[in-house]
C-alpha cells in the first residue's frame, strides 16, 4: 500500500518571461527559382533573408 502524501500547491508560471520557439518549414519552389533566374544558393539566401526580416519585425512588435 502506498503512503499518503499531501498535495503540493502548484504555482502558475509566468509565460511572458519564458523563451518561446517556433518551428518553420521553408519550401523553395523550382518555378520561383526559374522565374527570378536565381541559382540555388541565391534563392536560399533570398529566403533566409526574408525569414530574418520577419524575425526582426516580430522582435520589434513583441
C-alpha atoms as a PDB file:
ATOM      1  CA  UNK A   1       0.000   0.000   0.000  1.00  0.00           C
ATOM      2  CA  UNK A   2       1.289   3.431  -0.925  1.00  0.00           C
ATOM      3  CA  UNK A   3       1.740   6.024   1.804  1.00  0.00           C
ATOM      4  CA  UNK A   4      -0.475   9.113   1.690  1.00  0.00           C
ATOM      5  CA  UNK A   5       1.354  12.273   0.578  1.00  0.00           C
ATOM      6  CA  UNK A   6      -0.237  15.701   0.888  1.00  0.00           C
ATOM      7  CA  UNK A   7      -0.715  17.645  -2.352  1.00  0.00           C
ATOM      8  CA  UNK A   8       1.760  20.384  -3.087  1.00  0.00           C
ATOM      9  CA  UNK A   9       0.410  23.741  -4.105  1.00  0.00           C
ATOM     10  CA  UNK A  10       1.101  24.460  -7.759  1.00  0.00           C
ATOM     11  CA  UNK A  11       2.367  27.811  -8.910  1.00  0.00           C
ATOM     12  CA  UNK A  12       1.380  29.398 -12.200  1.00  0.00           C
ATOM     13  CA  UNK A  13       4.315  30.074 -14.491  1.00  0.00           C
ATOM     14  CA  UNK A  14       4.862  33.485 -15.981  1.00  0.00           C
ATOM     15  CA  UNK A  15       4.902  32.578 -19.671  1.00  0.00           C
ATOM     16  CA  UNK A  16       5.928  36.074 -20.727  1.00  0.00           C
ATOM     17  CA  UNK A  17       9.402  35.508 -19.261  1.00  0.00           C
ATOM     18  CA  UNK A  18       9.983  32.136 -20.912  1.00  0.00           C
ATOM     19  CA  UNK A  19      11.677  31.782 -24.267  1.00  0.00           C
ATOM     20  CA  UNK A  20       9.318  30.574 -26.947  1.00  0.00           C
ATOM     21  CA  UNK A  21      10.311  28.767 -30.121  1.00  0.00           C
ATOM     22  CA  UNK A  22       8.537  28.338 -33.430  1.00  0.00           C
ATOM     23  CA  UNK A  23       9.348  25.666 -35.979  1.00  0.00           C
ATOM     24  CA  UNK A  24       9.363  26.810 -39.566  1.00  0.00           C
ATOM     25  CA  UNK A  25       9.320  24.770 -42.750  1.00  0.00           C
ATOM     26  CA  UNK A  26      10.561  26.612 -45.805  1.00  0.00           C
ATOM     27  CA  UNK A  27       9.846  25.349 -49.309  1.00  0.00           C
ATOM     28  CA  UNK A  28      11.620  26.772 -52.335  1.00  0.00           C
ATOM     29  CA  UNK A  29       9.609  26.102 -55.473  1.00  0.00           C
ATOM     30  CA  UNK A  30      11.505  25.344 -58.682  1.00  0.00           C
ATOM     31  CA  UNK A  31       9.237  27.703 -60.658  1.00  0.00           C
ATOM     32  CA  UNK A  32      10.184  30.523 -58.261  1.00  0.00           C
ATOM     33  CA  UNK A  33      13.870  29.888 -58.930  1.00  0.00           C
ATOM     34  CA  UNK A  34      13.305  29.809 -62.699  1.00  0.00           C
ATOM     35  CA  UNK A  35      11.190  32.995 -62.753  1.00  0.00           C
ATOM     36  CA  UNK A  36      13.840  35.006 -60.935  1.00  0.00           C
ATOM     37  CA  UNK A  37      16.825  33.358 -62.651  1.00  0.00           C
ATOM     38  CA  UNK A  38      18.367  32.566 -59.275  1.00  0.00           C
ATOM     39  CA  UNK A  39      20.973  29.938 -58.628  1.00  0.00           C
ATOM     40  CA  UNK A  40      20.233  27.503 -55.808  1.00  0.00           C
ATOM     41  CA  UNK A  41      22.480  29.476 -53.461  1.00  0.00           C
ATOM     42  CA  UNK A  42      20.906  32.808 -54.417  1.00  0.00           C
ATOM     43  CA  UNK A  43      17.371  31.537 -53.878  1.00  0.00           C
ATOM     44  CA  UNK A  44      18.331  30.073 -50.490  1.00  0.00           C
ATOM     45  CA  UNK A  45      19.925  33.362 -49.416  1.00  0.00           C
ATOM     46  CA  UNK A  46      16.821  35.291 -50.533  1.00  0.00           C
ATOM     47  CA  UNK A  47      14.515  33.040 -48.500  1.00  0.00           C
ATOM     48  CA  UNK A  48      16.762  33.190 -45.440  1.00  0.00           C
ATOM     49  CA  UNK A  49      16.845  36.985 -45.655  1.00  0.00           C
ATOM     50  CA  UNK A  50      13.036  37.037 -45.745  1.00  0.00           C
ATOM     51  CA  UNK A  51      12.943  34.888 -42.606  1.00  0.00           C
ATOM     52  CA  UNK A  52      15.487  37.116 -40.861  1.00  0.00           C
ATOM     53  CA  UNK A  53      13.462  40.231 -41.708  1.00  0.00           C
ATOM     54  CA  UNK A  54      10.285  38.596 -40.366  1.00  0.00           C
ATOM     55  CA  UNK A  55      12.174  37.654 -37.190  1.00  0.00           C
ATOM     56  CA  UNK A  56      13.422  41.220 -36.796  1.00  0.00           C
ATOM     57  CA  UNK A  57       9.943  42.666 -37.270  1.00  0.00           C
ATOM     58  CA  UNK A  58       8.371  40.205 -34.828  1.00  0.00           C
ATOM     59  CA  UNK A  59      11.019  41.121 -32.247  1.00  0.00           C
ATOM     60  CA  UNK A  60      10.062  44.772 -32.545  1.00  0.00           C
ATOM     61  CA  UNK A  61       6.349  44.016 -32.206  1.00  0.00           C
ATOM     62  CA  UNK A  62       6.704  41.827 -29.130  1.00  0.00           C
END
